[in-house]
Protein backbone atom coordinates (compact mmCIF):
# COMPACT_ATOMS: atom_id res chain seq x y z
CA UNK A 1 -112.33 -174.62 -219.87
CA UNK A 2 -113.22 -177.38 -222.32
CA UNK A 3 -112.12 -177.53 -225.92
CA UNK A 4 -112.78 -174.54 -228.13
CA UNK A 5 -116.12 -174.21 -229.86
CA UNK A 6 -116.29 -171.52 -232.50
CA UNK A 7 -118.90 -170.69 -235.12
CA UNK A 8 -116.25 -169.91 -237.74
CA UNK A 9 -114.83 -173.45 -237.79
CA UNK A 10 -115.39 -175.48 -240.94
CA UNK A 11 -117.34 -178.73 -240.80
CA UNK A 12 -114.03 -180.63 -240.71
CA UNK A 13 -112.75 -178.33 -237.98
CA UNK A 14 -115.88 -178.92 -235.90
CA UNK A 15 -115.46 -182.68 -236.34
CA UNK A 16 -111.83 -182.56 -235.21
CA UNK A 17 -112.75 -180.24 -232.35
CA UNK A 18 -115.43 -182.70 -231.22
CA UNK A 19 -112.98 -185.62 -231.37
CA UNK A 20 -110.46 -183.71 -229.26
CA UNK A 21 -113.17 -182.80 -226.79
CA UNK A 22 -114.18 -186.43 -226.39
CA UNK A 23 -110.64 -187.75 -226.12
CA UNK A 24 -108.72 -184.99 -224.40
CA UNK A 25 -110.23 -181.70 -223.28
CA UNK A 26 -106.74 -180.22 -222.75
CA UNK A 27 -106.34 -179.68 -226.49
CA UNK A 28 -107.80 -176.77 -228.42
CA UNK A 29 -108.34 -176.93 -232.18
CA UNK A 30 -108.62 -173.53 -233.81
CA UNK A 31 -108.43 -173.24 -237.57
CA UNK A 32 -105.37 -175.23 -238.64
CA UNK A 33 -103.72 -175.15 -235.21
CA UNK A 34 -103.83 -177.52 -232.29
CA UNK A 35 -102.94 -175.89 -228.98
CA UNK A 36 -102.80 -176.87 -225.33
CA UNK A 37 -104.52 -175.04 -222.47
CA UNK A 38 -101.28 -174.71 -220.51
CA UNK A 39 -97.59 -175.57 -220.54
CA UNK A 40 -98.31 -178.23 -217.94
CA UNK A 41 -100.76 -179.92 -220.32
CA UNK A 42 -98.20 -179.81 -223.12
CA UNK A 43 -95.54 -181.21 -220.77
CA UNK A 44 -97.84 -184.07 -219.73
CA UNK A 45 -98.59 -184.83 -223.38
CA UNK A 46 -94.88 -184.93 -224.23
CA UNK A 47 -94.19 -187.16 -221.24
CA UNK A 48 -96.99 -189.55 -222.22
CA UNK A 49 -95.85 -189.85 -225.84
CA UNK A 50 -92.15 -189.24 -225.23
CA UNK A 51 -90.86 -192.37 -226.98
CA UNK A 52 -92.98 -191.65 -230.05
CA UNK A 53 -91.84 -188.03 -230.29
CA UNK A 54 -88.16 -188.43 -229.35
CA UNK A 55 -87.08 -191.93 -230.34
CA UNK A 56 -83.37 -191.27 -229.68
CA UNK A 57 -83.87 -189.79 -226.18
CA UNK A 58 -84.55 -191.29 -222.76
CA UNK A 59 -86.57 -189.26 -220.27
CA UNK A 60 -84.78 -189.02 -216.93
CA UNK A 61 -86.95 -186.63 -214.95
CA UNK A 62 -89.62 -183.99 -215.32
CA UNK A 63 -89.33 -180.59 -213.56
CA UNK A 64 -85.71 -181.13 -212.51
CA UNK A 65 -83.82 -178.36 -210.67
CA UNK A 66 -80.14 -177.72 -211.35
CA UNK A 67 -78.41 -174.84 -209.50
CA UNK A 68 -81.72 -173.05 -208.85
CA UNK A 69 -82.72 -173.41 -212.53
CA UNK A 70 -85.65 -175.63 -213.39
CA UNK A 71 -85.73 -177.64 -216.60
CA UNK A 72 -89.03 -179.03 -217.79
CA UNK A 73 -87.72 -182.35 -219.11
CA UNK A 74 -84.27 -183.79 -218.43
CA UNK A 75 -83.24 -186.45 -220.93
CA UNK A 76 -80.20 -188.12 -222.37
CA UNK A 77 -79.33 -189.34 -225.83
CA UNK A 78 -79.34 -193.11 -226.35
CA UNK A 79 -76.50 -192.96 -228.84
CA UNK A 80 -73.88 -190.93 -226.96
CA UNK A 81 -75.37 -190.63 -223.43
CA UNK A 82 -75.24 -186.82 -223.63
CA UNK A 83 -77.67 -184.85 -221.45
CA UNK A 84 -80.49 -182.99 -223.18
CA UNK A 85 -82.65 -180.33 -221.51
CA UNK A 86 -86.06 -179.62 -223.00
CA UNK A 87 -87.76 -176.35 -222.14
CA UNK A 88 -91.50 -176.36 -222.87
CA UNK A 89 -93.20 -173.16 -223.99
CA UNK A 90 -96.84 -172.86 -224.91
């Protein structure tokens, strides 16, 4: 499913929607919201831009399993080396 096309979007919304469609069809622009098609797409986006989003964290592993529990992103803090688990929800 490509980016969202809706008749009710404003001219600016249609322009943004078109830009997202050209650059990344995994994003959906609807009104004032930008959404992802799936949690996997959101996870990939976070992984790609991880250093820009979380400047104080270091990504260790994606989809890491600990005692039969899966965490989406396993990280640690640069300042105090403390583990951080990020759970992605769409």
